[in-house]
Amino acid sequence: MPAKKSFEQALKRLEEITETLEEGQASLQKSIKLYEEAYTLIDFCRGELKSAEQKIKKVTGKSDGTLKEEDFE
């Protein structure tokens, strides 16, 4: 996978790989290479999602009318 690929680009490539594999026309060698690429892309996407999840904050109202920011669980 090229460096600096965005989450959206990785997801699009995963969709392309899935379509190719579902067609069943790829040779065994090509299927294995596509599977390996997909595994790398999945790992990348999981990392991006985990990073985004850690950045999400929850904003709640306090009884005095002010807002409080806390980690989202």
N, C-alpha and C. Protein backbone atom coordinates (compact mmCIF):
# COMPACT_ATOMS: atom_id res chain seq x y z
N MET A 1 0.85 -1.18 0.00
CA MET A 1 0.00 0.00 0.00
C MET A 1 0.89 1.24 0.00
N PRO A 2 0.63 2.19 -0.90
CA PRO A 2 1.43 3.41 -0.92
C PRO A 2 1.28 4.20 0.38
N ALA A 3 2.34 4.91 0.74
CA ALA A 3 2.30 5.72 1.95
C ALA A 3 1.28 6.84 1.80
N LYS A 4 0.73 7.29 2.93
CA LYS A 4 -0.18 8.43 2.98
C LYS A 4 -1.52 8.18 2.28
N LYS A 5 -1.94 6.93 2.20
CA LYS A 5 -3.25 6.64 1.64
C LYS A 5 -4.29 7.03 2.67
N SER A 6 -5.37 7.65 2.22
CA SER A 6 -6.42 8.05 3.14
C SER A 6 -7.32 6.86 3.47
N PHE A 7 -8.06 7.01 4.54
CA PHE A 7 -9.01 5.97 4.94
C PHE A 7 -9.98 5.68 3.79
N GLU A 8 -10.48 6.75 3.16
CA GLU A 8 -11.44 6.59 2.08
C GLU A 8 -10.84 5.87 0.88
N GLN A 9 -9.59 6.18 0.56
CA GLN A 9 -8.91 5.50 -0.54
C GLN A 9 -8.72 4.02 -0.23
N ALA A 10 -8.34 3.73 1.01
CA ALA A 10 -8.13 2.34 1.41
C ALA A 10 -9.45 1.57 1.35
N LEU A 11 -10.53 2.19 1.80
CA LEU A 11 -11.84 1.54 1.76
C LEU A 11 -12.28 1.28 0.33
N LYS A 12 -12.05 2.24 -0.55
CA LYS A 12 -12.40 2.07 -1.96
C LYS A 12 -11.61 0.92 -2.57
N ARG A 13 -10.32 0.84 -2.25
CA ARG A 13 -9.49 -0.25 -2.78
C ARG A 13 -9.97 -1.59 -2.24
N LEU A 14 -10.38 -1.63 -0.98
CA LEU A 14 -10.93 -2.87 -0.41
C LEU A 14 -12.18 -3.31 -1.17
N GLU A 15 -13.03 -2.36 -1.53
CA GLU A 15 -14.22 -2.68 -2.30
C GLU A 15 -13.85 -3.26 -3.66
N GLU A 16 -12.84 -2.67 -4.31
CA GLU A 16 -12.37 -3.17 -5.61
C GLU A 16 -11.85 -4.60 -5.49
N ILE A 17 -11.05 -4.84 -4.46
CA ILE A 17 -10.49 -6.17 -4.24
C ILE A 17 -11.61 -7.18 -4.00
N THR A 18 -12.59 -6.81 -3.18
CA THR A 18 -13.70 -7.69 -2.88
C THR A 18 -14.45 -8.06 -4.15
N GLU A 19 -14.73 -7.07 -4.99
CA GLU A 19 -15.43 -7.33 -6.25
C GLU A 19 -14.63 -8.29 -7.13
N THR A 20 -13.33 -8.06 -7.23
CA THR A 20 -12.48 -8.91 -8.06
C THR A 20 -12.50 -10.34 -7.54
N LEU A 21 -12.36 -10.52 -6.23
CA LEU A 21 -12.35 -11.86 -5.66
C LEU A 21 -13.71 -12.54 -5.79
N GLU A 22 -14.79 -11.78 -5.64
CA GLU A 22 -16.12 -12.35 -5.75
C GLU A 22 -16.44 -12.80 -7.17
N GLU A 23 -15.83 -12.15 -8.16
CA GLU A 23 -16.04 -12.55 -9.56
C GLU A 23 -15.47 -13.94 -9.82
N GLY A 24 -14.45 -14.31 -9.06
CA GLY A 24 -13.87 -15.64 -9.17
C GLY A 24 -13.06 -15.87 -10.43
N GLN A 25 -12.67 -14.82 -11.11
CA GLN A 25 -11.93 -14.97 -12.36
C GLN A 25 -10.42 -14.81 -12.18
N ALA A 26 -9.97 -14.37 -11.03
CA ALA A 26 -8.54 -14.16 -10.79
C ALA A 26 -7.85 -15.51 -10.56
N SER A 27 -6.61 -15.59 -11.02
CA SER A 27 -5.83 -16.80 -10.79
C SER A 27 -5.56 -16.96 -9.29
N LEU A 28 -5.12 -18.13 -8.90
CA LEU A 28 -4.81 -18.39 -7.50
C LEU A 28 -3.74 -17.42 -7.01
N GLN A 29 -2.68 -17.23 -7.80
CA GLN A 29 -1.59 -16.34 -7.39
C GLN A 29 -2.09 -14.90 -7.23
N LYS A 30 -2.90 -14.43 -8.18
CA LYS A 30 -3.43 -13.06 -8.09
C LYS A 30 -4.37 -12.95 -6.89
N SER A 31 -5.18 -13.97 -6.65
CA SER A 31 -6.09 -13.95 -5.51
C SER A 31 -5.33 -13.86 -4.19
N ILE A 32 -4.23 -14.58 -4.10
CA ILE A 32 -3.42 -14.54 -2.88
C ILE A 32 -2.82 -13.14 -2.69
N LYS A 33 -2.31 -12.54 -3.77
CA LYS A 33 -1.75 -11.19 -3.67
C LYS A 33 -2.83 -10.19 -3.27
N LEU A 34 -4.02 -10.32 -3.84
CA LEU A 34 -5.12 -9.42 -3.49
C LEU A 34 -5.52 -9.60 -2.03
N TYR A 35 -5.55 -10.84 -1.56
CA TYR A 35 -5.88 -11.12 -0.17
C TYR A 35 -4.86 -10.46 0.76
N GLU A 36 -3.58 -10.59 0.42
CA GLU A 36 -2.53 -9.98 1.24
C GLU A 36 -2.67 -8.45 1.26
N GLU A 37 -2.97 -7.87 0.11
CA GLU A 37 -3.16 -6.42 0.04
C GLU A 37 -4.36 -6.02 0.90
N ALA A 38 -5.44 -6.79 0.79
CA ALA A 38 -6.65 -6.49 1.56
C ALA A 38 -6.37 -6.57 3.06
N TYR A 39 -5.61 -7.55 3.49
CA TYR A 39 -5.28 -7.69 4.90
C TYR A 39 -4.53 -6.47 5.41
N THR A 40 -3.58 -5.97 4.60
CA THR A 40 -2.82 -4.76 4.96
C THR A 40 -3.75 -3.55 5.03
N LEU A 41 -4.66 -3.44 4.07
CA LEU A 41 -5.61 -2.33 4.06
C LEU A 41 -6.55 -2.38 5.26
N ILE A 42 -7.00 -3.56 5.61
CA ILE A 42 -7.88 -3.72 6.78
C ILE A 42 -7.16 -3.28 8.04
N ASP A 43 -5.91 -3.68 8.19
CA ASP A 43 -5.12 -3.30 9.34
C ASP A 43 -4.97 -1.77 9.41
N PHE A 44 -4.71 -1.15 8.27
CA PHE A 44 -4.60 0.30 8.19
C PHE A 44 -5.91 0.96 8.61
N CYS A 45 -7.03 0.48 8.06
CA CYS A 45 -8.34 1.07 8.38
C CYS A 45 -8.67 0.92 9.86
N ARG A 46 -8.37 -0.23 10.43
CA ARG A 46 -8.61 -0.42 11.86
C ARG A 46 -7.82 0.59 12.69
N GLY A 47 -6.58 0.82 12.30
CA GLY A 47 -5.75 1.79 13.02
C GLY A 47 -6.31 3.19 12.91
N GLU A 48 -6.77 3.55 11.71
CA GLU A 48 -7.37 4.87 11.52
C GLU A 48 -8.64 5.02 12.35
N LEU A 49 -9.47 4.00 12.38
CA LEU A 49 -10.71 4.06 13.17
C LEU A 49 -10.41 4.15 14.66
N LYS A 50 -9.41 3.40 15.11
CA LYS A 50 -9.06 3.44 16.53
C LYS A 50 -8.55 4.83 16.91
N SER A 51 -7.75 5.41 16.03
CA SER A 51 -7.24 6.75 16.28
C SER A 51 -8.38 7.77 16.33
N ALA A 52 -9.31 7.66 15.41
CA ALA A 52 -10.45 8.58 15.39
C ALA A 52 -11.31 8.40 16.64
N GLU A 53 -11.50 7.15 17.04
CA GLU A 53 -12.29 6.86 18.23
C GLU A 53 -11.69 7.51 19.48
N GLN A 54 -10.38 7.51 19.56
CA GLN A 54 -9.71 8.09 20.72
C GLN A 54 -9.83 9.62 20.75
N LYS A 55 -10.11 10.22 19.60
CA LYS A 55 -10.22 11.67 19.53
C LYS A 55 -11.63 12.18 19.79
N ILE A 56 -12.60 11.29 19.71
CA ILE A 56 -13.99 11.71 19.88
C ILE A 56 -14.24 12.12 21.32
N LYS A 57 -14.88 13.25 21.47
CA LYS A 57 -15.22 13.76 22.80
C LYS A 57 -16.73 13.87 22.90
N LYS A 58 -17.23 13.73 24.08
CA LYS A 58 -18.66 13.88 24.33
C LYS A 58 -18.87 15.20 25.07
N VAL A 59 -19.80 15.98 24.58
CA VAL A 59 -20.12 17.26 25.22
C VAL A 59 -21.46 17.09 25.93
N THR A 60 -21.46 17.38 27.21
CA THR A 60 -22.69 17.27 28.00
C THR A 60 -22.94 18.57 28.74
N GLY A 61 -24.20 18.80 29.04
CA GLY A 61 -24.57 19.99 29.79
C GLY A 61 -24.48 19.75 31.28
N LYS A 62 -23.95 20.73 31.99
CA LYS A 62 -23.89 20.66 33.45
C LYS A 62 -25.13 21.36 34.01
N SER A 63 -25.40 21.12 35.28
CA SER A 63 -26.61 21.68 35.90
C SER A 63 -26.59 23.20 35.94
N ASP A 64 -25.38 23.80 35.88
CA ASP A 64 -25.31 25.27 35.91
C ASP A 64 -25.44 25.90 34.52
N GLY A 65 -25.73 25.07 33.49
CA GLY A 65 -25.92 25.58 32.15
C GLY A 65 -24.68 25.63 31.28
N THR A 66 -23.53 25.31 31.85
CA THR A 66 -22.29 25.30 31.06
C THR A 66 -22.12 23.91 30.44
N LEU A 67 -21.19 23.83 29.52
CA LEU A 67 -20.91 22.57 28.85
C LEU A 67 -19.67 21.92 29.44
N LYS A 68 -19.68 20.61 29.45
CA LYS A 68 -18.55 19.84 29.95
C LYS A 68 -18.12 18.88 28.84
N GLU A 69 -16.82 18.80 28.58
CA GLU A 69 -16.29 17.91 27.56
C GLU A 69 -15.60 16.74 28.25
N GLU A 70 -15.92 15.53 27.80
CA GLU A 70 -15.27 14.34 28.37
C GLU A 70 -15.07 13.32 27.27
N ASP A 71 -14.20 12.35 27.51
CA ASP A 71 -13.96 11.30 26.55
C ASP A 71 -15.22 10.50 26.29
N PHE A 72 -15.43 10.15 25.04
CA PHE A 72 -16.57 9.34 24.66
C PHE A 72 -16.22 7.87 24.85
N GLU A 73 -17.08 7.12 25.49
CA GLU A 73 -16.80 5.69 25.73
C GLU A 73 -17.74 4.85 24.92
